[in-house]
Amino acid sequence: MLYYLCQAAQVYAVDHGYASLSFLVRPALARILGRQGLPLEQAGDPCNHRGLRIPYRVDAASAATALRDWRKRLGIPAAIQEAHYTPMYWPPAEPDPTLSVMTAQAFQQLQNG
């Protein structure tokens, strides 16, 4: 489960143009992530937030290599590259032909302002 959380954060960061990820974690979790090869860089002093927490930064591009190696050690198949959902944008570019006449008319009014 921890691998999947880290992998999702890394993919999100890359997809949205973030150069690095930031974590505020307990020392034990930092040790686990470090043992898995994630290039953790301490980003500040430890603080008390529901117990001792330490801020870390991870380069998103470097994390991809570490996550690939971690995935191979776990024997997990490569991630699916296509999105598992269909992005929806509003208003749609074209009215849906399955909409009722009244809804299609409302759509046209929306488009015309």
Protein backbone atom coordinates (compact mmCIF):
# COMPACT_ATOMS: atom_id res chain seq x y z
CA MET A 1 0.00 0.00 0.00
CA LEU A 2 2.83 2.39 0.83
CA TYR A 3 4.35 1.84 -2.61
CA TYR A 4 1.05 2.74 -4.30
CA LEU A 5 0.67 5.93 -2.23
CA CYS A 6 4.19 7.05 -3.14
CA GLN A 7 3.72 6.10 -6.79
CA ALA A 8 0.44 8.04 -7.01
CA ALA A 9 2.06 11.13 -5.47
CA GLN A 10 4.99 10.92 -7.88
CA VAL A 11 2.76 10.55 -10.96
CA TYR A 12 0.57 13.44 -9.81
CA ALA A 13 3.63 15.65 -9.30
CA VAL A 14 5.04 14.88 -12.75
CA ASP A 15 1.65 15.24 -14.48
CA HIS A 16 1.09 18.64 -12.87
CA GLY A 17 4.61 19.99 -13.40
CA TYR A 18 5.92 19.82 -9.83
CA ALA A 19 9.68 19.32 -9.58
CA SER A 20 9.58 17.86 -6.09
CA LEU A 21 7.36 16.24 -3.49
CA SER A 22 7.22 17.28 0.16
CA PHE A 23 6.50 14.92 3.04
CA LEU A 24 6.02 15.53 6.75
CA VAL A 25 6.55 12.09 8.27
CA ARG A 26 7.58 10.26 11.38
CA PRO A 27 11.23 9.19 11.58
CA ALA A 28 10.28 5.51 11.24
CA LEU A 29 8.42 6.12 7.98
CA ALA A 30 11.35 8.16 6.66
CA ARG A 31 13.64 5.19 7.37
CA ILE A 32 11.29 2.83 5.52
CA LEU A 33 11.10 5.15 2.49
CA GLY A 34 14.87 5.59 2.53
CA ARG A 35 15.42 1.83 2.62
CA GLN A 36 13.24 1.55 -0.47
CA GLY A 37 15.62 3.89 -2.29
CA LEU A 38 13.60 7.11 -2.33
CA PRO A 39 16.08 10.00 -2.42
CA LEU A 40 14.85 11.79 0.72
CA GLU A 41 16.37 15.16 1.52
CA GLN A 42 15.55 16.65 4.90
CA ALA A 43 13.83 19.98 4.23
CA GLY A 44 13.71 21.47 7.71
CA ASP A 45 13.90 20.90 11.43
CA PRO A 46 11.81 18.24 13.16
CA CYS A 47 8.58 19.55 14.66
CA ASN A 48 5.88 18.29 16.98
CA HIS A 49 2.72 17.70 14.94
CA ARG A 50 0.75 14.87 16.52
CA GLY A 51 4.11 13.48 17.53
CA LEU A 52 7.57 14.03 16.10
CA ARG A 53 7.53 14.72 12.36
CA ILE A 54 10.35 15.61 9.98
CA PRO A 55 9.88 17.48 6.68
CA TYR A 56 11.46 15.86 3.64
CA ARG A 57 11.69 16.73 -0.03
CA VAL A 58 12.04 14.24 -2.88
CA ASP A 59 12.94 15.12 -6.46
CA ALA A 60 10.00 13.89 -8.56
CA ALA A 61 12.16 12.69 -11.47
CA SER A 62 14.58 10.80 -9.20
CA ALA A 63 11.66 9.25 -7.34
CA ALA A 64 10.50 7.61 -10.58
CA THR A 65 13.67 5.52 -10.77
CA ALA A 66 13.48 4.54 -7.10
CA LEU A 67 9.79 3.63 -7.43
CA ARG A 68 10.48 1.52 -10.53
CA ASP A 69 13.13 -0.45 -8.62
CA TRP A 70 10.84 -0.78 -5.59
CA ARG A 71 8.03 -2.05 -7.84
CA LYS A 72 10.35 -4.67 -9.35
CA ARG A 73 11.43 -5.87 -5.89
CA LEU A 74 7.76 -6.25 -4.94
CA GLY A 75 7.00 -8.12 -8.18
CA ILE A 76 4.21 -5.71 -9.14
CA PRO A 77 3.48 -5.39 -12.88
CA ALA A 78 4.13 -2.03 -14.55
CA ALA A 79 1.46 0.61 -14.14
CA ILE A 80 -1.17 1.10 -16.81
CA GLN A 81 -0.30 4.20 -18.82
CA GLU A 82 -3.76 5.30 -19.92
CA ALA A 83 -6.07 7.12 -17.52
CA HIS A 84 -8.61 5.00 -15.64
CA TYR A 85 -11.23 7.72 -15.98
CA THR A 86 -12.58 10.02 -18.67
CA PRO A 87 -11.97 13.70 -17.94
CA MET A 88 -15.15 15.76 -18.14
CA TYR A 89 -15.22 19.39 -19.13
CA TRP A 90 -18.14 21.77 -18.76
CA PRO A 91 -19.71 23.00 -20.83
CA PRO A 92 -19.15 20.24 -23.39
CA ALA A 93 -18.06 21.26 -26.89
CA GLU A 94 -21.12 19.66 -28.50
CA PRO A 95 -24.56 18.90 -27.06
CA ASP A 96 -25.16 15.25 -26.25
CA PRO A 97 -27.65 13.86 -28.82
CA THR A 98 -29.25 11.75 -26.09
CA LEU A 99 -30.33 14.84 -24.15
CA SER A 100 -33.99 15.83 -24.19
CA VAL A 101 -35.11 18.68 -26.44
CA MET A 102 -35.59 21.02 -23.50
CA THR A 103 -32.12 20.26 -22.16
CA ALA A 104 -30.59 20.72 -25.62
CA GLN A 105 -32.32 24.10 -25.88
CA ALA A 106 -30.96 25.05 -22.46
CA PHE A 107 -27.53 24.01 -23.71
CA GLN A 108 -27.86 26.35 -26.69
CA GLN A 109 -28.87 29.21 -24.38
CA LEU A 110 -25.85 28.48 -22.23
CA GLN A 111 -23.56 28.63 -25.28
CA ASN A 112 -25.11 31.87 -26.54
CA GLY A 113 -24.89 33.57 -23.14
